[in-house]
Amino acid sequence: MDSSCEVDPVAAVVAALDGRQGTRWVGVDGKGATGKTTLAARIAAALPGSVVVHIDDFARPDVRGWERDRFVRQVLHPLLAGRQGRYQRWDFDRNVGAEWHTVPIGVPVVVEGVSATDVRLGVPWDFTIWVELPYEVRLARARQRDGPERMDRWLTDWMPSEDAYEEAQRPQDRVDLVYRPPNAA
């Protein structure tokens, strides 16, 4: 495991996948409001034909965490069997299914979100990243992004769940790269 803000995570992923064929799996994990979505978009832009799967697309207000079993059933298992994945994004605010997304075989699949690299998923990762920022920075970003109406959920559900995941699985100890964005505020 490399641990540095000096390592360019995009370059590290591109180098790790160089020459590999077929469906390649990249996991971008970390706690909420660390910049995982932005980093995943940068990685996808550097990997032609890649697809980003957002863990938030599997989150529902009436489910603690996210629907791991639906991710496995709709994305992971089909791709491992040589078939395209197809999943429905969940509209968290309305608590209803939204549009469907296709995940083709044979391309880089960048899975990003809190607990994206959960060991219970069984994804054959080619490269994994843990994005790390201090609590205060994450909380300020969450307030700015989600507003005061979601702060109770952040403080009583999401952040404690993230802490429990980190304590139980220690993802930062098993990923290929721990990335601490420089000058994050």
N, C-alpha and C. Protein backbone atom coordinates (compact mmCIF):
# COMPACT_ATOMS: atom_id res chain seq x y z
N MET A 1 0.84 -1.17 0.00
CA MET A 1 0.00 0.00 0.00
C MET A 1 0.89 1.23 0.00
N ASP A 2 0.65 2.14 -0.93
CA ASP A 2 1.33 3.42 -0.97
C ASP A 2 0.46 4.43 -0.24
N SER A 3 1.06 5.35 0.44
CA SER A 3 0.30 6.34 1.19
C SER A 3 0.94 7.70 0.98
N SER A 4 0.31 8.49 0.10
CA SER A 4 0.92 9.77 -0.19
C SER A 4 -0.04 10.69 -0.90
N CYS A 5 0.09 11.98 -0.66
CA CYS A 5 -0.65 12.94 -1.46
C CYS A 5 0.19 13.32 -2.67
N GLU A 6 1.45 12.90 -2.70
CA GLU A 6 2.36 13.22 -3.80
C GLU A 6 2.13 12.30 -4.99
N VAL A 7 1.61 11.12 -4.77
CA VAL A 7 1.34 10.18 -5.85
C VAL A 7 0.09 10.63 -6.58
N ASP A 8 0.18 10.73 -7.89
CA ASP A 8 -0.99 11.07 -8.70
C ASP A 8 -1.85 9.82 -8.81
N PRO A 9 -3.03 9.82 -8.19
CA PRO A 9 -3.84 8.60 -8.19
C PRO A 9 -4.30 8.20 -9.59
N VAL A 10 -4.53 9.16 -10.47
CA VAL A 10 -4.95 8.84 -11.84
C VAL A 10 -3.82 8.12 -12.56
N ALA A 11 -2.62 8.65 -12.47
CA ALA A 11 -1.47 8.02 -13.11
C ALA A 11 -1.22 6.62 -12.54
N ALA A 12 -1.42 6.47 -11.23
CA ALA A 12 -1.23 5.16 -10.60
C ALA A 12 -2.20 4.13 -11.15
N VAL A 13 -3.46 4.52 -11.32
CA VAL A 13 -4.47 3.60 -11.88
C VAL A 13 -4.14 3.27 -13.33
N VAL A 14 -3.82 4.28 -14.12
CA VAL A 14 -3.51 4.05 -15.54
C VAL A 14 -2.31 3.09 -15.66
N ALA A 15 -1.29 3.29 -14.85
CA ALA A 15 -0.12 2.41 -14.90
C ALA A 15 -0.47 0.98 -14.48
N ALA A 16 -1.30 0.85 -13.44
CA ALA A 16 -1.68 -0.47 -12.95
C ALA A 16 -2.50 -1.25 -13.96
N LEU A 17 -3.31 -0.56 -14.76
CA LEU A 17 -4.17 -1.23 -15.74
C LEU A 17 -3.51 -1.38 -17.10
N ASP A 18 -2.35 -0.79 -17.29
CA ASP A 18 -1.67 -0.83 -18.57
C ASP A 18 -1.45 -2.27 -19.03
N GLY A 19 -1.93 -2.58 -20.20
CA GLY A 19 -1.77 -3.90 -20.79
C GLY A 19 -2.80 -4.93 -20.37
N ARG A 20 -3.61 -4.62 -19.41
CA ARG A 20 -4.65 -5.56 -18.97
C ARG A 20 -5.84 -5.47 -19.91
N GLN A 21 -6.45 -6.60 -20.15
CA GLN A 21 -7.60 -6.68 -21.05
C GLN A 21 -8.83 -7.12 -20.26
N GLY A 22 -9.97 -7.02 -20.92
CA GLY A 22 -11.23 -7.46 -20.31
C GLY A 22 -11.76 -6.42 -19.34
N THR A 23 -12.74 -6.81 -18.57
CA THR A 23 -13.31 -5.92 -17.57
C THR A 23 -12.27 -5.72 -16.48
N ARG A 24 -11.97 -4.47 -16.19
CA ARG A 24 -11.03 -4.13 -15.14
C ARG A 24 -11.77 -3.34 -14.08
N TRP A 25 -11.46 -3.60 -12.83
CA TRP A 25 -12.20 -3.03 -11.70
C TRP A 25 -11.32 -2.08 -10.91
N VAL A 26 -11.82 -0.85 -10.75
CA VAL A 26 -11.14 0.17 -9.95
C VAL A 26 -12.10 0.61 -8.86
N GLY A 27 -11.67 0.55 -7.61
CA GLY A 27 -12.50 0.97 -6.49
C GLY A 27 -11.98 2.25 -5.88
N VAL A 28 -12.86 3.23 -5.74
CA VAL A 28 -12.51 4.50 -5.10
C VAL A 28 -13.37 4.61 -3.85
N ASP A 29 -12.76 4.37 -2.71
CA ASP A 29 -13.44 4.28 -1.43
C ASP A 29 -13.01 5.45 -0.54
N GLY A 30 -13.71 5.63 0.54
CA GLY A 30 -13.39 6.68 1.50
C GLY A 30 -14.67 7.12 2.17
N LYS A 31 -14.52 7.93 3.17
CA LYS A 31 -15.68 8.43 3.88
C LYS A 31 -16.36 9.53 3.06
N GLY A 32 -17.54 9.96 3.51
CA GLY A 32 -18.31 10.95 2.78
C GLY A 32 -17.60 12.29 2.66
N ALA A 33 -17.80 12.95 1.52
CA ALA A 33 -17.31 14.30 1.25
C ALA A 33 -15.78 14.38 1.20
N THR A 34 -15.15 13.33 0.68
CA THR A 34 -13.69 13.35 0.53
C THR A 34 -13.25 13.64 -0.90
N GLY A 35 -14.20 13.65 -1.85
CA GLY A 35 -13.85 13.91 -3.24
C GLY A 35 -13.76 12.66 -4.10
N LYS A 36 -14.39 11.58 -3.64
CA LYS A 36 -14.35 10.31 -4.39
C LYS A 36 -14.98 10.44 -5.78
N THR A 37 -16.10 11.12 -5.87
CA THR A 37 -16.80 11.25 -7.16
C THR A 37 -15.95 12.03 -8.15
N THR A 38 -15.34 13.09 -7.69
CA THR A 38 -14.47 13.90 -8.55
C THR A 38 -13.26 13.09 -9.00
N LEU A 39 -12.65 12.36 -8.08
CA LEU A 39 -11.50 11.53 -8.43
C LEU A 39 -11.91 10.44 -9.42
N ALA A 40 -13.05 9.80 -9.20
CA ALA A 40 -13.52 8.75 -10.11
C ALA A 40 -13.73 9.31 -11.51
N ALA A 41 -14.25 10.51 -11.62
CA ALA A 41 -14.44 11.14 -12.94
C ALA A 41 -13.10 11.39 -13.61
N ARG A 42 -12.11 11.81 -12.85
CA ARG A 42 -10.77 12.03 -13.41
C ARG A 42 -10.16 10.71 -13.89
N ILE A 43 -10.34 9.66 -13.12
CA ILE A 43 -9.83 8.34 -13.51
C ILE A 43 -10.53 7.86 -14.77
N ALA A 44 -11.84 7.98 -14.80
CA ALA A 44 -12.60 7.54 -15.98
C ALA A 44 -12.18 8.31 -17.23
N ALA A 45 -11.90 9.59 -17.10
CA ALA A 45 -11.48 10.39 -18.24
C ALA A 45 -10.15 9.92 -18.80
N ALA A 46 -9.33 9.30 -17.96
CA ALA A 46 -8.02 8.80 -18.40
C ALA A 46 -8.06 7.37 -18.91
N LEU A 47 -9.21 6.72 -18.77
CA LEU A 47 -9.35 5.32 -19.20
C LEU A 47 -10.43 5.25 -20.28
N PRO A 48 -10.05 5.27 -21.55
CA PRO A 48 -11.05 5.28 -22.63
C PRO A 48 -12.07 4.15 -22.50
N GLY A 49 -13.34 4.51 -22.68
CA GLY A 49 -14.43 3.53 -22.65
C GLY A 49 -14.90 3.15 -21.26
N SER A 50 -14.31 3.73 -20.24
CA SER A 50 -14.65 3.32 -18.88
C SER A 50 -16.04 3.80 -18.47
N VAL A 51 -16.55 3.17 -17.43
CA VAL A 51 -17.86 3.49 -16.86
C VAL A 51 -17.68 3.70 -15.36
N VAL A 52 -18.34 4.74 -14.84
CA VAL A 52 -18.33 4.97 -13.40
C VAL A 52 -19.66 4.48 -12.82
N VAL A 53 -19.58 3.67 -11.79
CA VAL A 53 -20.76 3.22 -11.05
C VAL A 53 -20.69 3.88 -9.68
N HIS A 54 -21.71 4.66 -9.36
CA HIS A 54 -21.77 5.39 -8.10
C HIS A 54 -22.53 4.58 -7.05
N ILE A 55 -21.88 4.34 -5.93
CA ILE A 55 -22.54 3.64 -4.83
C ILE A 55 -23.80 4.40 -4.39
N ASP A 56 -23.78 5.72 -4.49
CA ASP A 56 -24.97 6.51 -4.13
C ASP A 56 -26.19 6.13 -4.98
N ASP A 57 -25.98 5.57 -6.16
CA ASP A 57 -27.10 5.13 -6.99
C ASP A 57 -27.83 3.93 -6.38
N PHE A 58 -27.21 3.31 -5.37
CA PHE A 58 -27.79 2.16 -4.70
C PHE A 58 -28.24 2.50 -3.27
N ALA A 59 -28.21 3.79 -2.94
CA ALA A 59 -28.60 4.25 -1.60
C ALA A 59 -30.08 4.64 -1.59
N ARG A 60 -30.73 4.29 -0.51
CA ARG A 60 -32.15 4.61 -0.33
C ARG A 60 -32.34 5.18 1.06
N PRO A 61 -33.28 6.10 1.24
CA PRO A 61 -33.48 6.69 2.57
C PRO A 61 -34.00 5.69 3.59
N ASP A 62 -34.62 4.62 3.14
CA ASP A 62 -35.17 3.63 4.07
C ASP A 62 -34.26 2.42 4.23
N VAL A 63 -33.01 2.52 3.75
CA VAL A 63 -32.03 1.45 3.88
C VAL A 63 -30.78 2.04 4.52
N ARG A 64 -30.30 1.42 5.58
CA ARG A 64 -29.05 1.89 6.19
C ARG A 64 -27.90 1.48 5.27
N GLY A 65 -27.07 2.44 4.94
CA GLY A 65 -25.97 2.17 4.02
C GLY A 65 -26.48 2.20 2.58
N TRP A 66 -26.24 1.12 1.87
CA TRP A 66 -26.68 1.03 0.48
C TRP A 66 -26.98 -0.42 0.14
N GLU A 67 -27.66 -0.63 -0.98
CA GLU A 67 -28.09 -1.98 -1.37
C GLU A 67 -26.95 -2.75 -2.04
N ARG A 68 -26.10 -3.35 -1.22
CA ARG A 68 -24.97 -4.12 -1.73
C ARG A 68 -25.45 -5.32 -2.56
N ASP A 69 -26.50 -5.97 -2.09
CA ASP A 69 -26.99 -7.14 -2.82
C ASP A 69 -27.49 -6.77 -4.22
N ARG A 70 -28.08 -5.60 -4.36
CA ARG A 70 -28.55 -5.18 -5.69
C ARG A 70 -27.36 -4.87 -6.60
N PHE A 71 -26.31 -4.25 -6.07
CA PHE A 71 -25.09 -4.01 -6.84
C PHE A 71 -24.51 -5.34 -7.33
N VAL A 72 -24.41 -6.30 -6.43
CA VAL A 72 -23.85 -7.61 -6.79
C VAL A 72 -24.71 -8.28 -7.86
N ARG A 73 -26.02 -8.24 -7.68
CA ARG A 73 -26.95 -8.90 -8.61
C ARG A 73 -27.00 -8.20 -9.97
N GLN A 74 -27.00 -6.89 -9.98
CA GLN A 74 -27.21 -6.16 -11.24
C GLN A 74 -25.93 -5.75 -11.95
N VAL A 75 -24.81 -5.65 -11.23
CA VAL A 75 -23.57 -5.20 -11.85
C VAL A 75 -22.49 -6.28 -11.80
N LEU A 76 -22.11 -6.69 -10.61
CA LEU A 76 -20.98 -7.59 -10.44
C LEU A 76 -21.20 -8.96 -11.09
N HIS A 77 -22.24 -9.67 -10.70
CA HIS A 77 -22.45 -11.03 -11.21
C HIS A 77 -22.59 -11.08 -12.73
N PRO A 78 -23.38 -10.20 -13.36
CA PRO A 78 -23.45 -10.24 -14.82
C PRO A 78 -22.08 -10.04 -15.48
N LEU A 79 -21.31 -9.05 -15.01
CA LEU A 79 -20.01 -8.80 -15.62
C LEU A 79 -19.05 -9.98 -15.42
N LEU A 80 -19.07 -10.57 -14.25
CA LEU A 80 -18.22 -11.74 -14.01
C LEU A 80 -18.62 -12.92 -14.88
N ALA A 81 -19.89 -12.97 -15.28
CA ALA A 81 -20.39 -14.05 -16.13
C ALA A 81 -20.24 -13.71 -17.62
N GLY A 82 -19.65 -12.56 -17.94
CA GLY A 82 -19.45 -12.19 -19.34
C GLY A 82 -20.65 -11.52 -19.98
N ARG A 83 -21.57 -11.03 -19.17
CA ARG A 83 -22.74 -10.31 -19.67
C ARG A 83 -22.69 -8.88 -19.18
N GLN A 84 -23.32 -7.97 -19.91
CA GLN A 84 -23.35 -6.58 -19.46
C GLN A 84 -24.16 -6.46 -18.17
N GLY A 85 -23.76 -5.50 -17.36
CA GLY A 85 -24.51 -5.18 -16.16
C GLY A 85 -25.58 -4.16 -16.50
N ARG A 86 -26.63 -4.15 -15.72
CA ARG A 86 -27.71 -3.18 -15.93
C ARG A 86 -28.34 -2.92 -14.57
N TYR A 87 -28.32 -1.65 -14.16
CA TYR A 87 -28.86 -1.32 -12.85
C TYR A 87 -29.70 -0.05 -12.93
N GLN A 88 -30.61 0.05 -11.99
CA GLN A 88 -31.48 1.21 -11.90
C GLN A 88 -30.96 2.14 -10.80
N ARG A 89 -30.71 3.39 -11.17
CA ARG A 89 -30.32 4.39 -10.18
C ARG A 89 -31.51 4.65 -9.27
N TRP A 90 -31.24 4.74 -7.98
CA TRP A 90 -32.30 5.03 -7.03
C TRP A 90 -32.32 6.53 -6.76
N ASP A 91 -33.47 7.17 -6.93
CA ASP A 91 -33.64 8.58 -6.62
C ASP A 91 -33.85 8.68 -5.12
N PHE A 92 -32.80 9.06 -4.41
CA PHE A 92 -32.81 9.09 -2.95
C PHE A 92 -33.87 10.05 -2.40
N ASP A 93 -33.96 11.23 -3.00
CA ASP A 93 -34.88 12.25 -2.48
C ASP A 93 -36.35 11.84 -2.64
N ARG A 94 -36.67 11.20 -3.75
CA ARG A 94 -38.06 10.79 -3.99
C ARG A 94 -38.32 9.36 -3.52
N ASN A 95 -37.24 8.61 -3.22
CA ASN A 95 -37.31 7.22 -2.80
C ASN A 95 -38.05 6.34 -3.81
N VAL A 96 -37.64 6.50 -5.08
CA VAL A 96 -38.19 5.68 -6.17
C VAL A 96 -37.07 5.35 -7.14
N GLY A 97 -37.29 4.28 -7.89
CA GLY A 97 -36.34 3.93 -8.94
C GLY A 97 -36.34 5.00 -10.02
N ALA A 98 -35.17 5.25 -10.60
CA ALA A 98 -35.03 6.26 -11.65
C ALA A 98 -34.56 5.56 -12.93
N GLU A 99 -33.73 6.22 -13.70
CA GLU A 99 -33.30 5.67 -14.99
C GLU A 99 -32.38 4.45 -14.83
N TRP A 100 -32.31 3.67 -15.90
CA TRP A 100 -31.47 2.48 -15.93
C TRP A 100 -30.13 2.81 -16.57
N HIS A 101 -29.09 2.14 -16.10
CA HIS A 101 -27.73 2.32 -16.63
C HIS A 101 -27.19 0.97 -17.07
N THR A 102 -26.43 0.99 -18.15
CA THR A 102 -25.80 -0.22 -18.67
C THR A 102 -24.30 -0.16 -18.40
N VAL A 103 -23.74 -1.28 -18.01
CA VAL A 103 -22.30 -1.39 -17.78
C VAL A 103 -21.79 -2.48 -18.72
N PRO A 104 -21.11 -2.08 -19.81
CA PRO A 104 -20.65 -3.07 -20.78
C PRO A 104 -19.51 -3.94 -20.24
N ILE A 105 -19.34 -5.08 -20.85
CA ILE A 105 -18.21 -5.95 -20.49
C ILE A 105 -16.96 -5.45 -21.21
N GLY A 106 -15.82 -5.82 -20.67
CA GLY A 106 -14.55 -5.54 -21.33
C GLY A 106 -14.03 -4.13 -21.20
N VAL A 107 -14.59 -3.33 -20.28
CA VAL A 107 -14.13 -1.95 -20.11
C VAL A 107 -13.72 -1.75 -18.64
N PRO A 108 -12.96 -0.69 -18.36
CA PRO A 108 -12.70 -0.37 -16.96
C PRO A 108 -13.99 0.07 -16.27
N VAL A 109 -14.26 -0.50 -15.10
CA VAL A 109 -15.42 -0.14 -14.30
C VAL A 109 -14.89 0.51 -13.03
N VAL A 110 -15.18 1.80 -12.88
CA VAL A 110 -14.74 2.56 -11.72
C VAL A 110 -15.93 2.63 -10.75
N VAL A 111 -15.79 1.97 -9.61
CA VAL A 111 -16.85 1.95 -8.61
C VAL A 111 -16.44 2.91 -7.51
N GLU A 112 -17.27 3.93 -7.27
CA GLU A 112 -16.90 4.94 -6.28
C GLU A 112 -18.00 5.14 -5.26
N GLY A 113 -17.57 5.36 -4.03
CA GLY A 113 -18.52 5.68 -2.98
C GLY A 113 -18.06 5.13 -1.64
N VAL A 114 -18.76 5.54 -0.61
CA VAL A 114 -18.46 5.06 0.74
C VAL A 114 -18.64 3.55 0.77
N SER A 115 -17.65 2.85 1.20
CA SER A 115 -17.58 1.38 1.31
C SER A 115 -17.64 0.68 -0.05
N ALA A 116 -17.17 1.36 -1.09
CA ALA A 116 -17.16 0.76 -2.43
C ALA A 116 -16.32 -0.50 -2.48
N THR A 117 -15.26 -0.58 -1.68
CA THR A 117 -14.39 -1.75 -1.73
C THR A 117 -14.70 -2.75 -0.61
N ASP A 118 -15.90 -2.69 -0.08
CA ASP A 118 -16.35 -3.61 0.97
C ASP A 118 -15.98 -5.05 0.57
N VAL A 119 -15.28 -5.74 1.45
CA VAL A 119 -14.81 -7.09 1.14
C VAL A 119 -15.96 -8.07 0.91
N ARG A 120 -17.14 -7.78 1.44
CA ARG A 120 -18.29 -8.68 1.27
C ARG A 120 -18.79 -8.72 -0.17
N LEU A 121 -18.42 -7.73 -0.98
CA LEU A 121 -18.89 -7.69 -2.38
C LEU A 121 -18.26 -8.77 -3.24
N GLY A 122 -17.00 -9.07 -3.01
CA GLY A 122 -16.31 -10.08 -3.82
C GLY A 122 -15.86 -9.58 -5.18
N VAL A 123 -15.62 -8.29 -5.31
CA VAL A 123 -15.15 -7.74 -6.58
C VAL A 123 -13.67 -8.09 -6.77
N PRO A 124 -13.29 -8.56 -7.95
CA PRO A 124 -11.87 -8.86 -8.21
C PRO A 124 -11.11 -7.59 -8.60
N TRP A 125 -10.84 -6.73 -7.65
CA TRP A 125 -10.27 -5.41 -7.92
C TRP A 125 -8.92 -5.50 -8.62
N ASP A 126 -8.73 -4.62 -9.58
CA ASP A 126 -7.43 -4.45 -10.21
C ASP A 126 -6.64 -3.33 -9.53
N PHE A 127 -7.37 -2.35 -8.98
CA PHE A 127 -6.72 -1.26 -8.25
C PHE A 127 -7.75 -0.62 -7.32
N THR A 128 -7.32 -0.32 -6.10
CA THR A 128 -8.21 0.30 -5.13
C THR A 128 -7.53 1.51 -4.49
N ILE A 129 -8.36 2.51 -4.18
CA ILE A 129 -7.89 3.75 -3.56
C ILE A 129 -8.78 4.07 -2.37
N TRP A 130 -8.17 4.53 -1.31
CA TRP A 130 -8.88 5.08 -0.16
C TRP A 130 -8.57 6.58 -0.15
N VAL A 131 -9.60 7.41 -0.21
CA VAL A 131 -9.42 8.86 -0.19
C VAL A 131 -9.66 9.32 1.24
N GLU A 132 -8.72 10.08 1.77
CA GLU A 132 -8.78 10.44 3.19
C GLU A 132 -8.66 11.94 3.39
N LEU A 133 -9.59 12.47 4.17
CA LEU A 133 -9.58 13.87 4.58
C LEU A 133 -9.97 13.96 6.05
N PRO A 134 -9.55 15.01 6.74
CA PRO A 134 -9.94 15.17 8.15
C PRO A 134 -11.46 15.36 8.29
N TYR A 135 -11.95 14.96 9.45
CA TYR A 135 -13.37 15.05 9.79
C TYR A 135 -13.91 16.47 9.57
N GLU A 136 -13.20 17.46 10.05
CA GLU A 136 -13.67 18.85 9.97
C GLU A 136 -13.86 19.28 8.51
N VAL A 137 -12.94 18.89 7.65
CA VAL A 137 -13.03 19.25 6.23
C VAL A 137 -14.23 18.55 5.60
N ARG A 138 -14.41 17.28 5.91
CA ARG A 138 -15.53 16.53 5.36
C ARG A 138 -16.86 17.12 5.81
N LEU A 139 -16.96 17.45 7.09
CA LEU A 139 -18.21 18.00 7.62
C LEU A 139 -18.52 19.35 6.96
N ALA A 140 -17.52 20.19 6.78
CA ALA A 140 -17.74 21.48 6.11
C ALA A 140 -18.19 21.28 4.67
N ARG A 141 -17.58 20.33 3.98
CA ARG A 141 -17.99 20.03 2.60
C ARG A 141 -19.42 19.50 2.56
N ALA A 142 -19.75 18.64 3.50
CA ALA A 142 -21.11 18.08 3.55
C ALA A 142 -22.14 19.18 3.79
N ARG A 143 -21.84 20.09 4.71
CA ARG A 143 -22.75 21.21 4.97
C ARG A 143 -22.95 22.05 3.72
N GLN A 144 -21.86 22.33 3.03
CA GLN A 144 -21.93 23.16 1.83
C GLN A 144 -22.69 22.44 0.71
N ARG A 145 -22.42 21.17 0.53
CA ARG A 145 -23.01 20.42 -0.57
C ARG A 145 -24.47 20.05 -0.31
N ASP A 146 -24.77 19.57 0.90
CA ASP A 146 -26.08 19.01 1.18
C ASP A 146 -26.99 19.92 2.00
N GLY A 147 -26.44 20.99 2.53
CA GLY A 147 -27.27 21.93 3.27
C GLY A 147 -27.62 21.45 4.67
N PRO A 148 -28.23 22.33 5.44
CA PRO A 148 -28.56 22.01 6.84
C PRO A 148 -29.63 20.93 6.97
N GLU A 149 -30.48 20.77 5.97
CA GLU A 149 -31.57 19.79 6.07
C GLU A 149 -31.06 18.34 6.14
N ARG A 150 -29.84 18.07 5.70
CA ARG A 150 -29.31 16.70 5.77
C ARG A 150 -28.29 16.51 6.88
N MET A 151 -28.00 17.54 7.64
CA MET A 151 -26.97 17.43 8.67
C MET A 151 -27.32 16.41 9.74
N ASP A 152 -28.58 16.31 10.13
CA ASP A 152 -28.95 15.31 11.13
C ASP A 152 -28.61 13.91 10.62
N ARG A 153 -28.92 13.62 9.36
CA ARG A 153 -28.61 12.29 8.79
C ARG A 153 -27.11 12.07 8.72
N TRP A 154 -26.36 13.12 8.35
CA TRP A 154 -24.90 13.02 8.32
C TRP A 154 -24.36 12.63 9.69
N LEU A 155 -24.85 13.31 10.73
CA LEU A 155 -24.28 13.15 12.06
C LEU A 155 -24.77 11.92 12.81
N THR A 156 -26.00 11.47 12.53
CA THR A 156 -26.56 10.35 13.29
C THR A 156 -26.55 9.02 12.53
N ASP A 157 -26.35 9.07 11.20
CA ASP A 157 -26.41 7.84 10.41
C ASP A 157 -25.14 7.67 9.57
N TRP A 158 -24.95 8.57 8.62
CA TRP A 158 -23.88 8.36 7.64
C TRP A 158 -22.48 8.33 8.24
N MET A 159 -22.13 9.34 9.02
CA MET A 159 -20.78 9.37 9.58
C MET A 159 -20.53 8.23 10.57
N PRO A 160 -21.48 7.92 11.47
CA PRO A 160 -21.26 6.75 12.33
C PRO A 160 -21.16 5.43 11.53
N SER A 161 -21.93 5.29 10.46
CA SER A 161 -21.84 4.09 9.63
C SER A 161 -20.48 3.99 8.95
N GLU A 162 -19.98 5.13 8.48
CA GLU A 162 -18.66 5.15 7.85
C GLU A 162 -17.57 4.77 8.86
N ASP A 163 -17.68 5.30 10.06
CA ASP A 163 -16.72 4.97 11.11
C ASP A 163 -16.75 3.48 11.42
N ALA A 164 -17.95 2.91 11.50
CA ALA A 164 -18.09 1.47 11.79
C ALA A 164 -17.48 0.63 10.68
N TYR A 165 -17.71 1.02 9.42
CA TYR A 165 -17.11 0.32 8.27
C TYR A 165 -15.59 0.38 8.36
N GLU A 166 -15.06 1.56 8.63
CA GLU A 166 -13.60 1.71 8.71
C GLU A 166 -13.03 0.86 9.85
N GLU A 167 -13.70 0.87 10.98
CA GLU A 167 -13.22 0.09 12.12
C GLU A 167 -13.27 -1.41 11.84
N ALA A 168 -14.35 -1.86 11.21
CA ALA A 168 -14.53 -3.29 10.96
C ALA A 168 -13.61 -3.82 9.87
N GLN A 169 -13.41 -3.05 8.80
CA GLN A 169 -12.69 -3.59 7.65
C GLN A 169 -11.31 -2.97 7.40
N ARG A 170 -11.02 -1.84 8.02
CA ARG A 170 -9.73 -1.16 7.84
C ARG A 170 -9.34 -1.07 6.36
N PRO A 171 -10.22 -0.50 5.52
CA PRO A 171 -9.94 -0.45 4.08
C PRO A 171 -8.64 0.25 3.74
N GLN A 172 -8.26 1.26 4.52
CA GLN A 172 -7.02 1.97 4.22
C GLN A 172 -5.79 1.08 4.37
N ASP A 173 -5.93 -0.05 5.06
CA ASP A 173 -4.82 -0.99 5.23
C ASP A 173 -4.74 -2.03 4.11
N ARG A 174 -5.78 -2.13 3.27
CA ARG A 174 -5.78 -3.18 2.24
C ARG A 174 -5.85 -2.64 0.81
N VAL A 175 -6.00 -1.33 0.66
CA VAL A 175 -6.07 -0.76 -0.69
C VAL A 175 -4.67 -0.62 -1.28
N ASP A 176 -4.64 -0.35 -2.59
CA ASP A 176 -3.36 -0.15 -3.27
C ASP A 176 -2.77 1.23 -3.01
N LEU A 177 -3.64 2.21 -2.74
CA LEU A 177 -3.17 3.58 -2.55
C LEU A 177 -4.09 4.31 -1.57
N VAL A 178 -3.50 4.95 -0.58
CA VAL A 178 -4.23 5.89 0.28
C VAL A 178 -3.88 7.27 -0.26
N TYR A 179 -4.92 7.98 -0.66
CA TYR A 179 -4.71 9.30 -1.26
C TYR A 179 -5.24 10.38 -0.34
N ARG A 180 -4.37 11.30 -0.01
CA ARG A 180 -4.73 12.46 0.80
C ARG A 180 -4.60 13.68 -0.10
N PRO A 181 -5.73 14.18 -0.62
CA PRO A 181 -5.66 15.31 -1.55
C PRO A 181 -4.91 16.49 -0.92
N PRO A 182 -3.99 17.08 -1.67
CA PRO A 182 -3.26 18.24 -1.14
C PRO A 182 -4.17 19.46 -1.08
N ASN A 183 -3.95 20.29 -0.13
CA ASN A 183 -4.67 21.56 0.00
C ASN A 183 -6.19 21.40 -0.01
N ALA A 184 -6.68 20.31 0.55
CA ALA A 184 -8.13 20.08 0.58
C ALA A 184 -8.76 20.93 1.69
N ALA A 185 -9.77 21.66 1.29
CA ALA A 185 -10.48 22.46 2.29
C ALA A 185 -11.90 22.66 1.86
